[in-house]
Structures are given as structure tokens and as C-alpha cells.
Amino acid sequence: MGAIRSITEPSSGGAVPLEALPVDSQGKVVLYCTAWCGHCKRAEAYMKDKGVAFVQKDIEMNPGYNQEYKRLGGKGGVPYFLFVPKG
């Protein structure tokens, strides 16, 4: 089984293959975001408030995160969420 993903517009794509997942994120939600995005800030605040383990990756500040985001199905919309199950 792969990871479950969610974007601003629902995806019909299904799960991401395990070998494509970020290694540093097992058991966590990955939040792909930008610094200027209000929805991203609200998502971050919500997860912190609820005690959700997550990794935040700014796709504009880090070209590697941007490539990862696109490889995993990101198409420009943020926030982009990815849940990475424990291996």
C-alpha cells in the first residue's frame, strides 16, 4: 500500500507507491506549502493544535521539495497533503 494524498482539488489518482515517498516522513503528514498561502498557515495551525505529527516543506524556498511535490502529483495547488504510513 502507498501513501494517501490530498490536494486543493480532489484527486482520483489513488495511492503513491512506497518507493516514491519521502524517507524522512514515515508515520507523518507531509504539508507541501508556500510562505504566502493562507490555507497553508491554517492547515499548519490546525495540525499543531490537534497534535498531528507533520513535516512542512516549502516548495518555493527549496527546489528539492518542489521536485518532490511534482513527482508525487502536485500540480501547483497548495496546501498539498501526503500521509506517509510507517514502513
N, C-alpha and C. Protein backbone atom coordinates (compact mmCIF):
# COMPACT_ATOMS: atom_id res chain seq x y z
N MET A 1 0.85 -1.18 0.00
CA MET A 1 0.00 0.00 0.00
C MET A 1 0.89 1.23 0.00
N GLY A 2 0.47 2.29 -0.67
CA GLY A 2 1.20 3.54 -0.73
C GLY A 2 0.63 4.58 0.20
N ALA A 3 0.98 5.82 -0.03
CA ALA A 3 0.51 6.92 0.80
C ALA A 3 -0.81 7.46 0.28
N ILE A 4 -1.55 8.07 1.15
CA ILE A 4 -2.80 8.73 0.77
C ILE A 4 -2.47 10.20 0.56
N ARG A 5 -2.96 10.77 -0.51
CA ARG A 5 -2.67 12.16 -0.78
C ARG A 5 -3.95 12.97 -0.95
N SER A 6 -3.80 14.28 -0.78
CA SER A 6 -4.93 15.18 -0.91
C SER A 6 -4.42 16.51 -1.42
N ILE A 7 -5.14 17.12 -2.32
CA ILE A 7 -4.77 18.44 -2.80
C ILE A 7 -5.99 19.33 -2.72
N THR A 8 -5.83 20.59 -3.10
CA THR A 8 -6.94 21.52 -3.01
C THR A 8 -8.12 21.08 -3.87
N GLU A 9 -7.86 20.40 -4.97
CA GLU A 9 -8.92 19.79 -5.75
C GLU A 9 -8.78 18.28 -5.60
N PRO A 10 -9.85 17.56 -5.32
CA PRO A 10 -9.74 16.12 -5.08
C PRO A 10 -9.05 15.39 -6.23
N SER A 11 -8.25 14.43 -5.87
CA SER A 11 -7.54 13.62 -6.85
C SER A 11 -8.21 12.26 -6.96
N SER A 12 -8.28 11.77 -8.17
CA SER A 12 -8.79 10.41 -8.36
C SER A 12 -7.64 9.45 -8.59
N GLY A 13 -6.42 9.92 -8.30
CA GLY A 13 -5.22 9.17 -8.62
C GLY A 13 -4.92 7.99 -7.72
N GLY A 14 -5.43 7.93 -6.51
CA GLY A 14 -5.13 6.81 -5.63
C GLY A 14 -3.83 7.01 -4.88
N ALA A 15 -3.23 5.91 -4.45
CA ALA A 15 -2.06 5.95 -3.58
C ALA A 15 -0.77 6.14 -4.38
N VAL A 16 0.21 6.71 -3.70
CA VAL A 16 1.55 6.91 -4.25
C VAL A 16 2.36 5.66 -3.90
N PRO A 17 3.16 5.12 -4.82
CA PRO A 17 3.98 3.94 -4.50
C PRO A 17 4.95 4.21 -3.35
N LEU A 18 5.17 3.25 -2.48
CA LEU A 18 6.03 3.43 -1.31
C LEU A 18 7.43 3.89 -1.67
N GLU A 19 7.99 3.39 -2.76
CA GLU A 19 9.35 3.77 -3.13
C GLU A 19 9.47 5.24 -3.54
N ALA A 20 8.35 5.89 -3.81
CA ALA A 20 8.37 7.30 -4.20
C ALA A 20 8.21 8.24 -3.01
N LEU A 21 7.99 7.71 -1.81
CA LEU A 21 7.68 8.54 -0.65
C LEU A 21 8.92 9.14 -0.01
N PRO A 22 8.78 10.33 0.60
CA PRO A 22 9.89 10.94 1.30
C PRO A 22 10.33 10.07 2.49
N VAL A 23 11.60 9.76 2.58
CA VAL A 23 12.12 8.87 3.60
C VAL A 23 11.98 9.46 5.01
N ASP A 24 12.09 10.78 5.14
CA ASP A 24 12.07 11.44 6.45
C ASP A 24 10.68 11.60 7.04
N SER A 25 9.66 11.03 6.44
CA SER A 25 8.29 11.36 6.80
C SER A 25 7.44 10.18 7.26
N GLN A 26 8.03 9.03 7.56
CA GLN A 26 7.24 7.87 7.94
C GLN A 26 6.38 8.15 9.16
N GLY A 27 5.10 7.79 9.07
CA GLY A 27 4.17 7.98 10.17
C GLY A 27 3.70 9.42 10.34
N LYS A 28 3.96 10.25 9.35
CA LYS A 28 3.61 11.67 9.47
C LYS A 28 2.83 12.14 8.25
N VAL A 29 2.23 13.30 8.41
CA VAL A 29 1.63 14.02 7.30
C VAL A 29 2.69 14.94 6.75
N VAL A 30 2.81 15.01 5.43
CA VAL A 30 3.71 15.98 4.80
C VAL A 30 2.83 17.10 4.28
N LEU A 31 3.16 18.33 4.66
CA LEU A 31 2.44 19.51 4.21
C LEU A 31 3.34 20.26 3.24
N TYR A 32 3.03 20.17 1.95
CA TYR A 32 3.74 20.96 0.94
C TYR A 32 3.03 22.30 0.90
N CYS A 33 3.80 23.39 1.01
CA CYS A 33 3.19 24.70 1.19
C CYS A 33 4.05 25.80 0.58
N THR A 34 3.57 27.03 0.71
CA THR A 34 4.35 28.23 0.40
C THR A 34 4.17 29.19 1.57
N ALA A 35 5.10 30.13 1.71
CA ALA A 35 5.07 31.07 2.83
C ALA A 35 3.86 32.03 2.76
N TRP A 36 3.39 32.35 1.57
CA TRP A 36 2.33 33.34 1.41
C TRP A 36 0.91 32.75 1.48
N CYS A 37 0.78 31.44 1.53
CA CYS A 37 -0.52 30.77 1.42
C CYS A 37 -1.28 30.77 2.75
N GLY A 38 -2.41 31.44 2.79
CA GLY A 38 -3.24 31.48 3.99
C GLY A 38 -3.82 30.13 4.36
N HIS A 39 -4.21 29.34 3.35
CA HIS A 39 -4.74 27.99 3.61
C HIS A 39 -3.65 27.11 4.23
N CYS A 40 -2.41 27.30 3.79
CA CYS A 40 -1.28 26.53 4.35
C CYS A 40 -1.08 26.88 5.82
N LYS A 41 -1.16 28.16 6.14
CA LYS A 41 -0.99 28.61 7.53
C LYS A 41 -2.09 28.04 8.42
N ARG A 42 -3.33 28.02 7.91
CA ARG A 42 -4.43 27.45 8.68
C ARG A 42 -4.26 25.95 8.86
N ALA A 43 -3.80 25.27 7.82
CA ALA A 43 -3.57 23.82 7.92
C ALA A 43 -2.49 23.53 8.95
N GLU A 44 -1.41 24.30 8.92
CA GLU A 44 -0.32 24.13 9.90
C GLU A 44 -0.84 24.35 11.32
N ALA A 45 -1.59 25.43 11.53
CA ALA A 45 -2.12 25.74 12.86
C ALA A 45 -3.06 24.62 13.34
N TYR A 46 -3.88 24.12 12.44
CA TYR A 46 -4.83 23.05 12.81
C TYR A 46 -4.08 21.80 13.25
N MET A 47 -3.08 21.39 12.48
CA MET A 47 -2.35 20.17 12.81
C MET A 47 -1.58 20.33 14.12
N LYS A 48 -1.01 21.51 14.36
CA LYS A 48 -0.32 21.75 15.62
C LYS A 48 -1.31 21.68 16.78
N ASP A 49 -2.47 22.31 16.60
CA ASP A 49 -3.50 22.33 17.64
C ASP A 49 -3.99 20.92 17.98
N LYS A 50 -4.09 20.06 16.98
CA LYS A 50 -4.60 18.70 17.17
C LYS A 50 -3.51 17.69 17.49
N GLY A 51 -2.26 18.13 17.53
CA GLY A 51 -1.15 17.23 17.84
C GLY A 51 -0.82 16.24 16.73
N VAL A 52 -1.08 16.63 15.50
CA VAL A 52 -0.79 15.78 14.34
C VAL A 52 0.70 15.90 14.00
N ALA A 53 1.39 14.77 13.90
CA ALA A 53 2.79 14.77 13.51
C ALA A 53 2.89 15.09 12.03
N PHE A 54 3.63 16.15 11.69
CA PHE A 54 3.76 16.51 10.29
C PHE A 54 5.13 17.10 9.99
N VAL A 55 5.46 17.08 8.71
CA VAL A 55 6.67 17.69 8.18
C VAL A 55 6.22 18.76 7.21
N GLN A 56 6.73 19.97 7.35
CA GLN A 56 6.34 21.07 6.48
C GLN A 56 7.44 21.31 5.46
N LYS A 57 7.05 21.39 4.17
CA LYS A 57 8.02 21.56 3.09
C LYS A 57 7.56 22.70 2.18
N ASP A 58 8.31 23.80 2.21
CA ASP A 58 8.01 24.98 1.39
C ASP A 58 8.55 24.75 -0.02
N ILE A 59 7.65 24.64 -0.99
CA ILE A 59 8.03 24.29 -2.35
C ILE A 59 8.65 25.46 -3.12
N GLU A 60 8.54 26.68 -2.60
CA GLU A 60 9.18 27.82 -3.26
C GLU A 60 10.58 28.09 -2.70
N MET A 61 10.79 27.76 -1.46
CA MET A 61 12.09 28.03 -0.82
C MET A 61 13.11 26.91 -1.08
N ASN A 62 12.63 25.73 -1.40
CA ASN A 62 13.53 24.59 -1.56
C ASN A 62 13.22 23.88 -2.89
N PRO A 63 14.12 24.00 -3.88
CA PRO A 63 13.88 23.36 -5.18
C PRO A 63 13.71 21.84 -5.09
N GLY A 64 14.39 21.20 -4.14
CA GLY A 64 14.24 19.76 -3.96
C GLY A 64 12.84 19.39 -3.51
N TYR A 65 12.27 20.19 -2.60
CA TYR A 65 10.89 19.95 -2.17
C TYR A 65 9.92 20.15 -3.32
N ASN A 66 10.20 21.14 -4.17
CA ASN A 66 9.34 21.41 -5.32
C ASN A 66 9.36 20.21 -6.28
N GLN A 67 10.53 19.65 -6.53
CA GLN A 67 10.64 18.48 -7.41
C GLN A 67 9.91 17.29 -6.80
N GLU A 68 10.08 17.10 -5.48
CA GLU A 68 9.40 16.00 -4.78
C GLU A 68 7.89 16.15 -4.89
N TYR A 69 7.40 17.38 -4.65
CA TYR A 69 5.98 17.70 -4.73
C TYR A 69 5.41 17.35 -6.11
N LYS A 70 6.12 17.75 -7.15
CA LYS A 70 5.66 17.48 -8.51
C LYS A 70 5.71 15.98 -8.82
N ARG A 71 6.76 15.30 -8.38
CA ARG A 71 6.90 13.86 -8.62
C ARG A 71 5.76 13.08 -7.95
N LEU A 72 5.27 13.60 -6.82
CA LEU A 72 4.21 12.93 -6.07
C LEU A 72 2.81 13.33 -6.54
N GLY A 73 2.73 14.18 -7.57
CA GLY A 73 1.43 14.52 -8.14
C GLY A 73 1.00 15.95 -7.96
N GLY A 74 1.79 16.79 -7.28
CA GLY A 74 1.45 18.20 -7.10
C GLY A 74 1.43 18.93 -8.43
N LYS A 75 0.41 19.75 -8.61
CA LYS A 75 0.24 20.45 -9.88
C LYS A 75 0.12 21.96 -9.69
N GLY A 76 0.69 22.51 -8.62
CA GLY A 76 0.65 23.95 -8.42
C GLY A 76 -0.23 24.40 -7.28
N GLY A 77 -1.19 23.59 -6.86
CA GLY A 77 -2.08 23.98 -5.76
C GLY A 77 -1.50 23.61 -4.41
N VAL A 78 -1.55 24.54 -3.50
CA VAL A 78 -1.16 24.28 -2.11
C VAL A 78 -2.28 24.77 -1.21
N PRO A 79 -2.43 24.20 -0.04
CA PRO A 79 -1.60 23.16 0.53
C PRO A 79 -1.83 21.82 -0.15
N TYR A 80 -0.80 21.00 -0.12
CA TYR A 80 -0.83 19.65 -0.67
C TYR A 80 -0.43 18.73 0.47
N PHE A 81 -1.29 17.79 0.81
CA PHE A 81 -1.04 16.89 1.93
C PHE A 81 -0.71 15.49 1.43
N LEU A 82 0.19 14.85 2.14
CA LEU A 82 0.54 13.47 1.84
C LEU A 82 0.72 12.77 3.17
N PHE A 83 0.02 11.66 3.38
CA PHE A 83 0.23 10.87 4.59
C PHE A 83 1.15 9.71 4.26
N VAL A 84 2.25 9.61 5.01
CA VAL A 84 3.22 8.55 4.78
C VAL A 84 3.09 7.54 5.91
N PRO A 85 2.57 6.34 5.62
CA PRO A 85 2.42 5.34 6.68
C PRO A 85 3.77 4.85 7.18
N LYS A 86 3.78 4.31 8.39
CA LYS A 86 5.02 3.72 8.92
C LYS A 86 5.33 2.48 8.11
N GLY A 87 6.62 2.34 7.75
CA GLY A 87 7.07 1.22 6.93
C GLY A 87 6.93 -0.02 7.62
